[in-house]
Amino acid sequence: MSCCGGGDDPAKPSAAVQSLPYKYLFKYIIVGDTAVGKSCLLLQFTDKRFQPVHDLTIGVEFGSRTITIDDNQIKLQIWDTAGQEKFRSITRSYYRGAAGALLVYDITR
């Protein structure tokens, strides 16, 4: 699996990528029904602030955060998908290339 354009070895990024402020880039998606808190979780993780009320997401919203693991800078690119049924066919295309997904749901519904 290659995360940064370094060929087959993800531990060895290409020369062009080595000049970036991070060593690895991973895309994650947040999925779930509408109004379960996906956008609020994204905002909390990326900006470290909580917003109890958020407008509905149309299509997709993006956020990113760089973390450090074992002295390696890793950029997490997080895609917040719309939860409404009418956007499901659109948001499904955003799954391509994702390293992982966070499924968010409301246990009270």
PDB file of N, CA and C in Angstrom:
ATOM      1  N   MET A   1       0.848  -1.182   0.000  1.00  0.00           N
ATOM      2  CA  MET A   1       0.000   0.000   0.000  1.00  0.00           C
ATOM      3  C   MET A   1       0.888   1.238   0.000  1.00  0.00           C
ATOM      4  N   SER A   2       0.586   2.142  -0.866  1.00  0.00           N
ATOM      5  CA  SER A   2       1.359   3.375  -0.937  1.00  0.00           C
ATOM      6  C   SER A   2       0.484   4.534  -0.501  1.00  0.00           C
ATOM      7  N   CYS A   3       0.950   5.298   0.462  1.00  0.00           N
ATOM      8  CA  CYS A   3       0.135   6.414   0.943  1.00  0.00           C
ATOM      9  C   CYS A   3       0.617   7.750   0.418  1.00  0.00           C
ATOM     10  N   CYS A   4       1.815   7.824  -0.058  1.00  0.00           N
ATOM     11  CA  CYS A   4       2.379   9.140  -0.404  1.00  0.00           C
ATOM     12  C   CYS A   4       3.075   9.164  -1.742  1.00  0.00           C
ATOM     13  N   GLY A   5       2.857   8.211  -2.595  1.00  0.00           N
ATOM     14  CA  GLY A   5       3.500   8.230  -3.888  1.00  0.00           C
ATOM     15  C   GLY A   5       4.892   7.639  -3.891  1.00  0.00           C
ATOM     16  N   GLY A   6       5.213   6.824  -2.914  1.00  0.00           N
ATOM     17  CA  GLY A   6       6.544   6.253  -2.809  1.00  0.00           C
ATOM     18  C   GLY A   6       6.648   4.862  -3.385  1.00  0.00           C
ATOM     19  N   GLY A   7       5.754   4.490  -4.287  1.00  0.00           N
ATOM     20  CA  GLY A   7       5.803   3.158  -4.856  1.00  0.00           C
ATOM     21  C   GLY A   7       5.154   2.150  -3.937  1.00  0.00           C
ATOM     22  N   ASP A   8       5.718   0.933  -3.930  1.00  0.00           N
ATOM     23  CA  ASP A   8       5.131  -0.142  -3.141  1.00  0.00           C
ATOM     24  C   ASP A   8       5.495  -0.085  -1.672  1.00  0.00           C
ATOM     25  N   ASP A   9       6.521   0.636  -1.309  1.00  0.00           N
ATOM     26  CA  ASP A   9       6.982   0.693   0.073  1.00  0.00           C
ATOM     27  C   ASP A   9       6.487   1.976   0.733  1.00  0.00           C
ATOM     28  N   PRO A  10       5.434   1.887   1.604  1.00  0.00           N
ATOM     29  CA  PRO A  10       4.912   3.104   2.230  1.00  0.00           C
ATOM     30  C   PRO A  10       5.902   3.751   3.191  1.00  0.00           C
ATOM     31  N   ALA A  11       6.946   3.023   3.585  1.00  0.00           N
ATOM     32  CA  ALA A  11       7.931   3.591   4.505  1.00  0.00           C
ATOM     33  C   ALA A  11       8.952   4.464   3.781  1.00  0.00           C
ATOM     34  N   LYS A  12       8.906   4.475   2.451  1.00  0.00           N
ATOM     35  CA  LYS A  12       9.879   5.251   1.672  1.00  0.00           C
ATOM     36  C   LYS A  12       9.142   6.181   0.706  1.00  0.00           C
ATOM     37  N   PRO A  13       8.825   7.406   1.135  1.00  0.00           N
ATOM     38  CA  PRO A  13       8.140   8.342   0.257  1.00  0.00           C
ATOM     39  C   PRO A  13       9.038   8.790  -0.892  1.00  0.00           C
ATOM     40  N   SER A  14       8.417   9.256  -1.983  1.00  0.00           N
ATOM     41  CA  SER A  14       9.180   9.730  -3.135  1.00  0.00           C
ATOM     42  C   SER A  14       9.934  11.007  -2.782  1.00  0.00           C
ATOM     43  N   ALA A  15      10.883  11.400  -3.634  1.00  0.00           N
ATOM     44  CA  ALA A  15      11.701  12.587  -3.382  1.00  0.00           C
ATOM     45  C   ALA A  15      10.852  13.848  -3.313  1.00  0.00           C
ATOM     46  N   ALA A  16       9.814  13.941  -4.155  1.00  0.00           N
ATOM     47  CA  ALA A  16       8.946  15.126  -4.147  1.00  0.00           C
ATOM     48  C   ALA A  16       8.181  15.245  -2.841  1.00  0.00           C
ATOM     49  N   VAL A  17       7.812  14.125  -2.272  1.00  0.00           N
ATOM     50  CA  VAL A  17       7.038  14.130  -1.030  1.00  0.00           C
ATOM     51  C   VAL A  17       7.926  14.442   0.172  1.00  0.00           C
ATOM     52  N   GLN A  18       9.222  14.136   0.099  1.00  0.00           N
ATOM     53  CA  GLN A  18      10.113  14.338   1.232  1.00  0.00           C
ATOM     54  C   GLN A  18      10.240  15.800   1.633  1.00  0.00           C
ATOM     55  N   SER A  19       9.931  16.737   0.733  1.00  0.00           N
ATOM     56  CA  SER A  19      10.022  18.153   1.072  1.00  0.00           C
ATOM     57  C   SER A  19       8.767  18.664   1.784  1.00  0.00           C
ATOM     58  N   LEU A  20       7.738  17.844   1.872  1.00  0.00           N
ATOM     59  CA  LEU A  20       6.507  18.237   2.553  1.00  0.00           C
ATOM     60  C   LEU A  20       6.715  18.246   4.062  1.00  0.00           C
ATOM     61  N   PRO A  21       5.877  18.993   4.802  1.00  0.00           N
ATOM     62  CA  PRO A  21       6.038  19.051   6.258  1.00  0.00           C
ATOM     63  C   PRO A  21       5.547  17.788   6.972  1.00  0.00           C
ATOM     64  N   TYR A  22       5.113  16.799   6.227  1.00  0.00           N
ATOM     65  CA  TYR A  22       4.670  15.538   6.823  1.00  0.00           C
ATOM     66  C   TYR A  22       5.237  14.383   6.005  1.00  0.00           C
ATOM     67  N   LYS A  23       5.368  13.230   6.656  1.00  0.00           N
ATOM     68  CA  LYS A  23       5.942  12.066   5.988  1.00  0.00           C
ATOM     69  C   LYS A  23       4.872  11.205   5.334  1.00  0.00           C
ATOM     70  N   TYR A  24       3.705  11.140   5.961  1.00  0.00           N
ATOM     71  CA  TYR A  24       2.618  10.315   5.441  1.00  0.00           C
ATOM     72  C   TYR A  24       1.340  11.132   5.374  1.00  0.00           C
ATOM     73  N   LEU A  25       0.483  10.762   4.441  1.00  0.00           N
ATOM     74  CA  LEU A  25      -0.831  11.376   4.292  1.00  0.00           C
ATOM     75  C   LEU A  25      -1.858  10.261   4.217  1.00  0.00           C
ATOM     76  N   PHE A  26      -2.835  10.305   5.123  1.00  0.00           N
ATOM     77  CA  PHE A  26      -3.894   9.313   5.134  1.00  0.00           C
ATOM     78  C   PHE A  26      -5.243  10.001   5.041  1.00  0.00           C
ATOM     79  N   LYS A  27      -6.090   9.461   4.204  1.00  0.00           N
ATOM     80  CA  LYS A  27      -7.451   9.977   4.040  1.00  0.00           C
ATOM     81  C   LYS A  27      -8.400   9.097   4.855  1.00  0.00           C
ATOM     82  N   TYR A  28      -9.203   9.745   5.682  1.00  0.00           N
ATOM     83  CA  TYR A  28     -10.232   9.055   6.455  1.00  0.00           C
ATOM     84  C   TYR A  28     -11.567   9.703   6.160  1.00  0.00           C
ATOM     85  N   ILE A  29     -12.625   8.911   6.203  1.00  0.00           N
ATOM     86  CA  ILE A  29     -13.955   9.464   5.990  1.00  0.00           C
ATOM     87  C   ILE A  29     -14.803   9.252   7.238  1.00  0.00           C
ATOM     88  N   ILE A  30     -15.718  10.177   7.454  1.00  0.00           N
ATOM     89  CA  ILE A  30     -16.685  10.064   8.544  1.00  0.00           C
ATOM     90  C   ILE A  30     -18.040   9.826   7.898  1.00  0.00           C
ATOM     91  N   VAL A  31     -18.690   8.725   8.264  1.00  0.00           N
ATOM     92  CA  VAL A  31     -19.980   8.371   7.678  1.00  0.00           C
ATOM     93  C   VAL A  31     -21.009   8.138   8.770  1.00  0.00           C
ATOM     94  N   GLY A  32     -22.273   8.299   8.408  1.00  0.00           N
ATOM     95  CA  GLY A  32     -23.366   8.066   9.336  1.00  0.00           C
ATOM     96  C   GLY A  32     -24.605   8.817   8.893  1.00  0.00           C
ATOM     97  N   ASP A  33     -25.706   8.554   9.567  1.00  0.00           N
ATOM     98  CA  ASP A  33     -26.965   9.220   9.253  1.00  0.00           C
ATOM     99  C   ASP A  33     -26.867  10.713   9.507  1.00  0.00           C
ATOM    100  N   THR A  34     -27.853  11.429   9.039  1.00  0.00           N
ATOM    101  CA  THR A  34     -27.901  12.871   9.229  1.00  0.00           C
ATOM    102  C   THR A  34     -28.112  13.217  10.704  1.00  0.00           C
ATOM    103  N   ALA A  35     -27.509  14.289  11.138  1.00  0.00           N
ATOM    104  CA  ALA A  35     -27.678  14.852  12.488  1.00  0.00           C
ATOM    105  C   ALA A  35     -27.241  13.918  13.619  1.00  0.00           C
ATOM    106  N   VAL A  36     -26.147  13.167  13.399  1.00  0.00           N
ATOM    107  CA  VAL A  36     -25.626  12.315  14.473  1.00  0.00           C
ATOM    108  C   VAL A  36     -24.352  12.879  15.098  1.00  0.00           C
ATOM    109  N   GLY A  37     -23.816  13.979  14.523  1.00  0.00           N
ATOM    110  CA  GLY A  37     -22.648  14.618  15.111  1.00  0.00           C
ATOM    111  C   GLY A  37     -21.357  14.481  14.336  1.00  0.00           C
ATOM    112  N   LYS A  38     -21.430  14.052  13.081  1.00  0.00           N
ATOM    113  CA  LYS A  38     -20.214  13.869  12.280  1.00  0.00           C
ATOM    114  C   LYS A  38     -19.422  15.166  12.144  1.00  0.00           C
ATOM    115  N   SER A  39     -20.097  16.243  11.776  1.00  0.00           N
ATOM    116  CA  SER A  39     -19.416  17.535  11.579  1.00  0.00           C
ATOM    117  C   SER A  39     -18.866  18.082  12.888  1.00  0.00           C
ATOM    118  N   CYS A  40     -19.579  17.876  13.981  1.00  0.00           N
ATOM    119  CA  CYS A  40     -19.100  18.337  15.289  1.00  0.00           C
ATOM    120  C   CYS A  40     -17.845  17.577  15.711  1.00  0.00           C
ATOM    121  N   LEU A  41     -17.794  16.280  15.428  1.00  0.00           N
ATOM    122  CA  LEU A  41     -16.592  15.497  15.733  1.00  0.00           C
ATOM    123  C   LEU A  41     -15.407  15.965  14.892  1.00  0.00           C
ATOM    124  N   LEU A  42     -15.657  16.251  13.621  1.00  0.00           N
ATOM    125  CA  LEU A  42     -14.591  16.750  12.750  1.00  0.00           C
ATOM    126  C   LEU A  42     -14.039  18.069  13.271  1.00  0.00           C
ATOM    127  N   LEU A  43     -14.920  18.983  13.619  1.00  0.00           N
ATOM    128  CA  LEU A  43     -14.509  20.295  14.123  1.00  0.00           C
ATOM    129  C   LEU A  43     -13.728  20.166  15.434  1.00  0.00           C
ATOM    130  N   GLN A  44     -14.171  19.281  16.302  1.00  0.00           N
ATOM    131  CA  GLN A  44     -13.479  19.066  17.576  1.00  0.00           C
ATOM    132  C   GLN A  44     -12.078  18.502  17.343  1.00  0.00           C
ATOM    133  N   PHE A  45     -11.962  17.550  16.436  1.00  0.00           N
ATOM    134  CA  PHE A  45     -10.667  16.915  16.183  1.00  0.00           C
ATOM    135  C   PHE A  45      -9.697  17.847  15.461  1.00  0.00           C
ATOM    136  N   THR A  46     -10.176  18.598  14.478  1.00  0.00           N
ATOM    137  CA  THR A  46      -9.278  19.430  13.672  1.00  0.00           C
ATOM    138  C   THR A  46      -9.007  20.794  14.289  1.00  0.00           C
ATOM    139  N   ASP A  47     -10.025  21.427  14.882  1.00  0.00           N
ATOM    140  CA  ASP A  47      -9.876  22.790  15.411  1.00  0.00           C
ATOM    141  C   ASP A  47      -9.899  22.864  16.931  1.00  0.00           C
ATOM    142  N   LYS A  48     -10.124  21.728  17.578  1.00  0.00           N
ATOM    143  CA  LYS A  48     -10.190  21.642  19.042  1.00  0.00           C
ATOM    144  C   LYS A  48     -11.223  22.607  19.629  1.00  0.00           C
ATOM    145  N   ARG A  49     -12.370  22.676  18.962  1.00  0.00           N
ATOM    146  CA  ARG A  49     -13.476  23.475  19.494  1.00  0.00           C
ATOM    147  C   ARG A  49     -14.777  22.725  19.244  1.00  0.00           C
ATOM    148  N   PHE A  50     -15.713  22.935  20.139  1.00  0.00           N
ATOM    149  CA  PHE A  50     -16.999  22.249  20.049  1.00  0.00           C
ATOM    150  C   PHE A  50     -18.071  23.232  19.620  1.00  0.00           C
ATOM    151  N   GLN A  51     -18.861  22.815  18.664  1.00  0.00           N
ATOM    152  CA  GLN A  51     -19.984  23.617  18.190  1.00  0.00           C
ATOM    153  C   GLN A  51     -21.224  22.733  18.298  1.00  0.00           C
ATOM    154  N   PRO A  52     -22.089  22.975  19.295  1.00  0.00           N
ATOM    155  CA  PRO A  52     -23.213  22.077  19.537  1.00  0.00           C
ATOM    156  C   PRO A  52     -24.243  22.043  18.413  1.00  0.00           C
ATOM    157  N   VAL A  53     -24.356  23.111  17.637  1.00  0.00           N
ATOM    158  CA  VAL A  53     -25.309  23.150  16.528  1.00  0.00           C
ATOM    159  C   VAL A  53     -24.517  23.406  15.252  1.00  0.00           C
ATOM    160  N   HIS A  54     -24.796  22.623  14.224  1.00  0.00           N
ATOM    161  CA  HIS A  54     -24.054  22.736  12.971  1.00  0.00           C
ATOM    162  C   HIS A  54     -25.037  22.655  11.815  1.00  0.00           C
ATOM    163  N   ASP A  55     -24.775  23.403  10.740  1.00  0.00           N
ATOM    164  CA  ASP A  55     -25.601  23.323   9.537  1.00  0.00           C
ATOM    165  C   ASP A  55     -25.431  21.952   8.895  1.00  0.00           C
ATOM    166  N   LEU A  56     -26.456  21.523   8.141  1.00  0.00           N
ATOM    167  CA  LEU A  56     -26.372  20.250   7.445  1.00  0.00           C
ATOM    168  C   LEU A  56     -25.240  20.291   6.422  1.00  0.00           C
ATOM    169  N   THR A  57     -24.534  19.186   6.308  1.00  0.00           N
ATOM    170  CA  THR A  57     -23.458  19.074   5.328  1.00  0.00           C
ATOM    171  C   THR A  57     -24.061  18.742   3.970  1.00  0.00           C
ATOM    172  N   ILE A  58     -23.664  19.497   2.961  1.00  0.00           N
ATOM    173  CA  ILE A  58     -24.095  19.240   1.592  1.00  0.00           C
ATOM    174  C   ILE A  58     -22.901  18.651   0.853  1.00  0.00           C
ATOM    175  N   GLY A  59     -23.004  17.400   0.448  1.00  0.00           N
ATOM    176  CA  GLY A  59     -21.890  16.741  -0.239  1.00  0.00           C
ATOM    177  C   GLY A  59     -20.826  16.303   0.740  1.00  0.00           C
ATOM    178  N   VAL A  60     -19.764  17.099   0.868  1.00  0.00           N
ATOM    179  CA  VAL A  60     -18.658  16.728   1.750  1.00  0.00           C
ATOM    180  C   VAL A  60     -17.984  17.987   2.290  1.00  0.00           C
ATOM    181  N   GLU A  61     -17.469  17.891   3.502  1.00  0.00           N
ATOM    182  CA  GLU A  61     -16.638  18.937   4.097  1.00  0.00           C
ATOM    183  C   GLU A  61     -15.296  18.299   4.441  1.00  0.00           C
ATOM    184  N   PHE A  62     -14.256  19.116   4.484  1.00  0.00           N
ATOM    185  CA  PHE A  62     -12.913  18.605   4.716  1.00  0.00           C
ATOM    186  C   PHE A  62     -12.300  19.223   5.960  1.00  0.00           C
ATOM    187  N   GLY A  63     -11.416  18.481   6.558  1.00  0.00           N
ATOM    188  CA  GLY A  63     -10.610  18.984   7.656  1.00  0.00           C
ATOM    189  C   GLY A  63      -9.313  18.199   7.668  1.00  0.00           C
ATOM    190  N   SER A  64      -8.301  18.730   8.320  1.00  0.00           N
ATOM    191  CA  SER A  64      -7.048  17.983   8.414  1.00  0.00           C
ATOM    192  C   SER A  64      -6.352  18.316   9.724  1.00  0.00           C
ATOM    193  N   ARG A  65      -5.502  17.405  10.111  1.00  0.00           N
ATOM    194  CA  ARG A  65      -4.712  17.591  11.319  1.00  0.00           C
ATOM    195  C   ARG A  65      -3.431  16.785  11.156  1.00  0.00           C
ATOM    196  N   THR A  66      -2.337  17.366  11.565  1.00  0.00           N
ATOM    197  CA  THR A  66      -1.058  16.663  11.524  1.00  0.00           C
ATOM    198  C   THR A  66      -0.741  16.163  12.924  1.00  0.00           C
ATOM    199  N   ILE A  67      -0.429  14.887  13.009  1.00  0.00           N
ATOM    200  CA  ILE A  67      -0.091  14.268  14.284  1.00  0.00           C
ATOM    201  C   ILE A  67       1.334  13.722  14.196  1.00  0.00           C
ATOM    202  N   THR A  68       1.926  13.445  15.337  1.00  0.00           N
ATOM    203  CA  THR A  68       3.274  12.886  15.379  1.00  0.00           C
ATOM    204  C   THR A  68       3.227  11.519  16.047  1.00  0.00           C
ATOM    205  N   ILE A  69       3.764  10.537  15.353  1.00  0.00           N
ATOM    206  CA  ILE A  69       3.883   9.183  15.887  1.00  0.00           C
ATOM    207  C   ILE A  69       5.307   8.719  15.617  1.00  0.00           C
ATOM    208  N   ASP A  70       6.024   8.339  16.665  1.00  0.00           N
ATOM    209  CA  ASP A  70       7.419   7.880  16.542  1.00  0.00           C
ATOM    210  C   ASP A  70       8.266   8.863  15.732  1.00  0.00           C
ATOM    211  N   ASP A  71       8.171  10.137  16.052  1.00  0.00           N
ATOM    212  CA  ASP A  71       8.932  11.208  15.391  1.00  0.00           C
ATOM    213  C   ASP A  71       8.601  11.388  13.909  1.00  0.00           C
ATOM    214  N   ASN A  72       7.497  10.827  13.450  1.00  0.00           N
ATOM    215  CA  ASN A  72       7.047  10.993  12.069  1.00  0.00           C
ATOM    216  C   ASN A  72       5.822  11.893  12.042  1.00  0.00           C
ATOM    217  N   GLN A  73       5.847  12.907  11.182  1.00  0.00           N
ATOM    218  CA  GLN A  73       4.687  13.773  10.996  1.00  0.00           C
ATOM    219  C   GLN A  73       3.720  13.070  10.043  1.00  0.00           C
ATOM    220  N   ILE A  74       2.480  12.903  10.487  1.00  0.00           N
ATOM    221  CA  ILE A  74       1.459  12.227   9.697  1.00  0.00           C
ATOM    222  C   ILE A  74       0.278  13.172   9.549  1.00  0.00           C
ATOM    223  N   LYS A  75      -0.092  13.439   8.309  1.00  0.00           N
ATOM    224  CA  LYS A  75      -1.232  14.312   8.054  1.00  0.00           C
ATOM    225  C   LYS A  75      -2.466  13.453   7.835  1.00  0.00           C
ATOM    226  N   LEU A  76      -3.484  13.708   8.640  1.00  0.00           N
ATOM    227  CA  LEU A  76      -4.761  13.026   8.496  1.00  0.00           C
ATOM    228  C   LEU A  76      -5.705  13.969   7.770  1.00  0.00           C
ATOM    229  N   GLN A  77      -6.171  13.543   6.634  1.00  0.00           N
ATOM    230  CA  GLN A  77      -7.136  14.312   5.854  1.00  0.00           C
ATOM    231  C   GLN A  77      -8.493  13.663   6.108  1.00  0.00           C
ATOM    232  N   ILE A  78      -9.407  14.404   6.739  1.00  0.00           N
ATOM    233  CA  ILE A  78     -10.687  13.844   7.149  1.00  0.00           C
ATOM    234  C   ILE A  78     -11.798  14.416   6.290  1.00  0.00           C
ATOM    235  N   TRP A  79     -12.583  13.537   5.718  1.00  0.00           N
ATOM    236  CA  TRP A  79     -13.698  13.920   4.862  1.00  0.00           C
ATOM    237  C   TRP A  79     -14.993  13.641   5.616  1.00  0.00           C
ATOM    238  N   ASP A  80     -15.778  14.667   5.835  1.00  0.00           N
ATOM    239  CA  ASP A  80     -17.062  14.576   6.527  1.00  0.00           C
ATOM    240  C   ASP A  80     -18.155  14.491   5.469  1.00  0.00           C
ATOM    241  N   THR A  81     -18.801  13.335   5.355  1.00  0.00           N
ATOM    242  CA  THR A  81     -19.801  13.129   4.307  1.00  0.00           C
ATOM    243  C   THR A  81     -21.195  13.508   4.779  1.00  0.00           C
ATOM    244  N   ALA A  82     -22.042  13.857   3.824  1.00  0.00           N
ATOM    245  CA  ALA A  82     -23.433  14.195   4.128  1.00  0.00           C
ATOM    246  C   ALA A  82     -24.184  12.939   4.544  1.00  0.00           C
ATOM    247  N   GLY A  83     -25.068  13.075   5.517  1.00  0.00           N
ATOM    248  CA  GLY A  83     -25.809  11.924   6.003  1.00  0.00           C
ATOM    249  C   GLY A  83     -27.153  11.709   5.333  1.00  0.00           C
ATOM    250  N   GLN A  84     -27.652  12.706   4.611  1.00  0.00           N
ATOM    251  CA  GLN A  84     -28.964  12.575   3.989  1.00  0.00           C
ATOM    252  C   GLN A  84     -28.946  11.529   2.877  1.00  0.00           C
ATOM    253  N   GLU A  85     -30.035  10.806   2.760  1.00  0.00           N
ATOM    254  CA  GLU A  85     -30.177   9.743   1.768  1.00  0.00           C
ATOM    255  C   GLU A  85     -29.941  10.254   0.346  1.00  0.00           C
ATOM    256  N   LYS A  86     -30.400  11.467   0.038  1.00  0.00           N
ATOM    257  CA  LYS A  86     -30.284  11.976  -1.337  1.00  0.00           C
ATOM    258  C   LYS A  86     -28.833  12.205  -1.763  1.00  0.00           C
ATOM    259  N   PHE A  87     -27.894  12.247  -0.818  1.00  0.00           N
ATOM    260  CA  PHE A  87     -26.481  12.441  -1.152  1.00  0.00           C
ATOM    261  C   PHE A  87     -25.681  11.137  -1.119  1.00  0.00           C
ATOM    262  N   ARG A  88     -26.313  10.023  -0.799  1.00  0.00           N
ATOM    263  CA  ARG A  88     -25.578   8.756  -0.641  1.00  0.00           C
ATOM    264  C   ARG A  88     -24.837   8.338  -1.908  1.00  0.00           C
ATOM    265  N   SER A  89     -25.473   8.505  -3.080  1.00  0.00           N
ATOM    266  CA  SER A  89     -24.799   8.097  -4.318  1.00  0.00           C
ATOM    267  C   SER A  89     -23.579   8.971  -4.592  1.00  0.00           C
ATOM    268  N   ILE A  90     -23.629  10.224  -4.185  1.00  0.00           N
ATOM    269  CA  ILE A  90     -22.496  11.135  -4.379  1.00  0.00           C
ATOM    270  C   ILE A  90     -21.386  10.813  -3.383  1.00  0.00           C
ATOM    271  N   THR A  91     -21.753  10.689  -2.116  1.00  0.00           N
ATOM    272  CA  THR A  91     -20.730  10.505  -1.082  1.00  0.00           C
ATOM    273  C   THR A  91     -20.033   9.153  -1.185  1.00  0.00           C
ATOM    274  N   ARG A  92     -20.684   8.164  -1.781  1.00  0.00           N
ATOM    275  CA  ARG A  92     -20.053   6.855  -1.930  1.00  0.00           C
ATOM    276  C   ARG A  92     -18.767   6.953  -2.753  1.00  0.00           C
ATOM    277  N   SER A  93     -18.733   7.880  -3.708  1.00  0.00           N
ATOM    278  CA  SER A  93     -17.531   8.039  -4.537  1.00  0.00           C
ATOM    279  C   SER A  93     -16.349   8.565  -3.723  1.00  0.00           C
ATOM    280  N   TYR A  94     -16.601   9.206  -2.585  1.00  0.00           N
ATOM    281  CA  TYR A  94     -15.525   9.733  -1.747  1.00  0.00           C
ATOM    282  C   TYR A  94     -14.804   8.638  -0.970  1.00  0.00           C
ATOM    283  N   TYR A  95     -15.359   7.436  -0.922  1.00  0.00           N
ATOM    284  CA  TYR A  95     -14.740   6.345  -0.181  1.00  0.00           C
ATOM    285  C   TYR A  95     -13.428   5.894  -0.823  1.00  0.00           C
ATOM    286  N   ARG A  96     -13.301   6.077  -2.127  1.00  0.00           N
ATOM    287  CA  ARG A  96     -12.118   5.613  -2.857  1.00  0.00           C
ATOM    288  C   ARG A  96     -10.852   6.262  -2.296  1.00  0.00           C
ATOM    289  N   GLY A  97      -9.876   5.450  -2.009  1.00  0.00           N
ATOM    290  CA  GLY A  97      -8.592   5.944  -1.524  1.00  0.00           C
ATOM    291  C   GLY A  97      -8.537   6.185  -0.025  1.00  0.00           C
ATOM    292  N   ALA A  98      -9.627   5.923   0.674  1.00  0.00           N
ATOM    293  CA  ALA A  98      -9.647   6.147   2.122  1.00  0.00           C
ATOM    294  C   ALA A  98      -8.902   5.029   2.844  1.00  0.00           C
ATOM    295  N   ALA A  99      -8.100   5.413   3.825  1.00  0.00           N
ATOM    296  CA  ALA A  99      -7.374   4.440   4.642  1.00  0.00           C
ATOM    297  C   ALA A  99      -8.272   3.862   5.727  1.00  0.00           C
ATOM    298  N   GLY A 100      -9.350   4.577   6.047  1.00  0.00           N
ATOM    299  CA  GLY A 100     -10.256   4.108   7.080  1.00  0.00           C
ATOM    300  C   GLY A 100     -11.505   4.956   7.137  1.00  0.00           C
ATOM    301  N   ALA A 101     -12.430   4.506   7.960  1.00  0.00           N
ATOM    302  CA  ALA A 101     -13.697   5.218   8.111  1.00  0.00           C
ATOM    303  C   ALA A 101     -14.111   5.215   9.572  1.00  0.00           C
ATOM    304  N   LEU A 102     -14.765   6.290   9.965  1.00  0.00           N
ATOM    305  CA  LEU A 102     -15.337   6.390  11.300  1.00  0.00           C
ATOM    306  C   LEU A 102     -16.846   6.398  11.127  1.00  0.00           C
ATOM    307  N   LEU A 103     -17.506   5.382  11.651  1.00  0.00           N
ATOM    308  CA  LEU A 103     -18.959   5.291  11.579  1.00  0.00           C
ATOM    309  C   LEU A 103     -19.537   5.952  12.820  1.00  0.00           C
ATOM    310  N   VAL A 104     -20.361   6.977  12.617  1.00  0.00           N
ATOM    311  CA  VAL A 104     -20.952   7.731  13.717  1.00  0.00           C
ATOM    312  C   VAL A 104     -22.450   7.462  13.722  1.00  0.00           C
ATOM    313  N   TYR A 105     -22.995   7.174  14.906  1.00  0.00           N
ATOM    314  CA  TYR A 105     -24.431   6.939  15.002  1.00  0.00           C
ATOM    315  C   TYR A 105     -24.940   7.446  16.341  1.00  0.00           C
ATOM    316  N   ASP A 106     -26.247   7.595  16.415  1.00  0.00           N
ATOM    317  CA  ASP A 106     -26.919   8.081  17.616  1.00  0.00           C
ATOM    318  C   ASP A 106     -27.666   6.905  18.237  1.00  0.00           C
ATOM    319  N   ILE A 107     -27.275   6.479  19.432  1.00  0.00           N
ATOM    320  CA  ILE A 107     -27.895   5.302  20.054  1.00  0.00           C
ATOM    321  C   ILE A 107     -29.324   5.569  20.513  1.00  0.00           C
ATOM    322  N   THR A 108     -29.736   6.836  20.542  1.00  0.00           N
ATOM    323  CA  THR A 108     -31.103   7.150  20.973  1.00  0.00           C
ATOM    324  C   THR A 108     -32.103   7.072  19.827  1.00  0.00           C
ATOM    325  N   ARG A 109     -31.633   6.883  18.604  1.00  0.00           N
ATOM    326  CA  ARG A 109     -32.556   6.781  17.459  1.00  0.00           C
ATOM    327  C   ARG A 109     -32.565   5.383  16.905  1.00  0.00           C
TER     328      ARG A 109
END
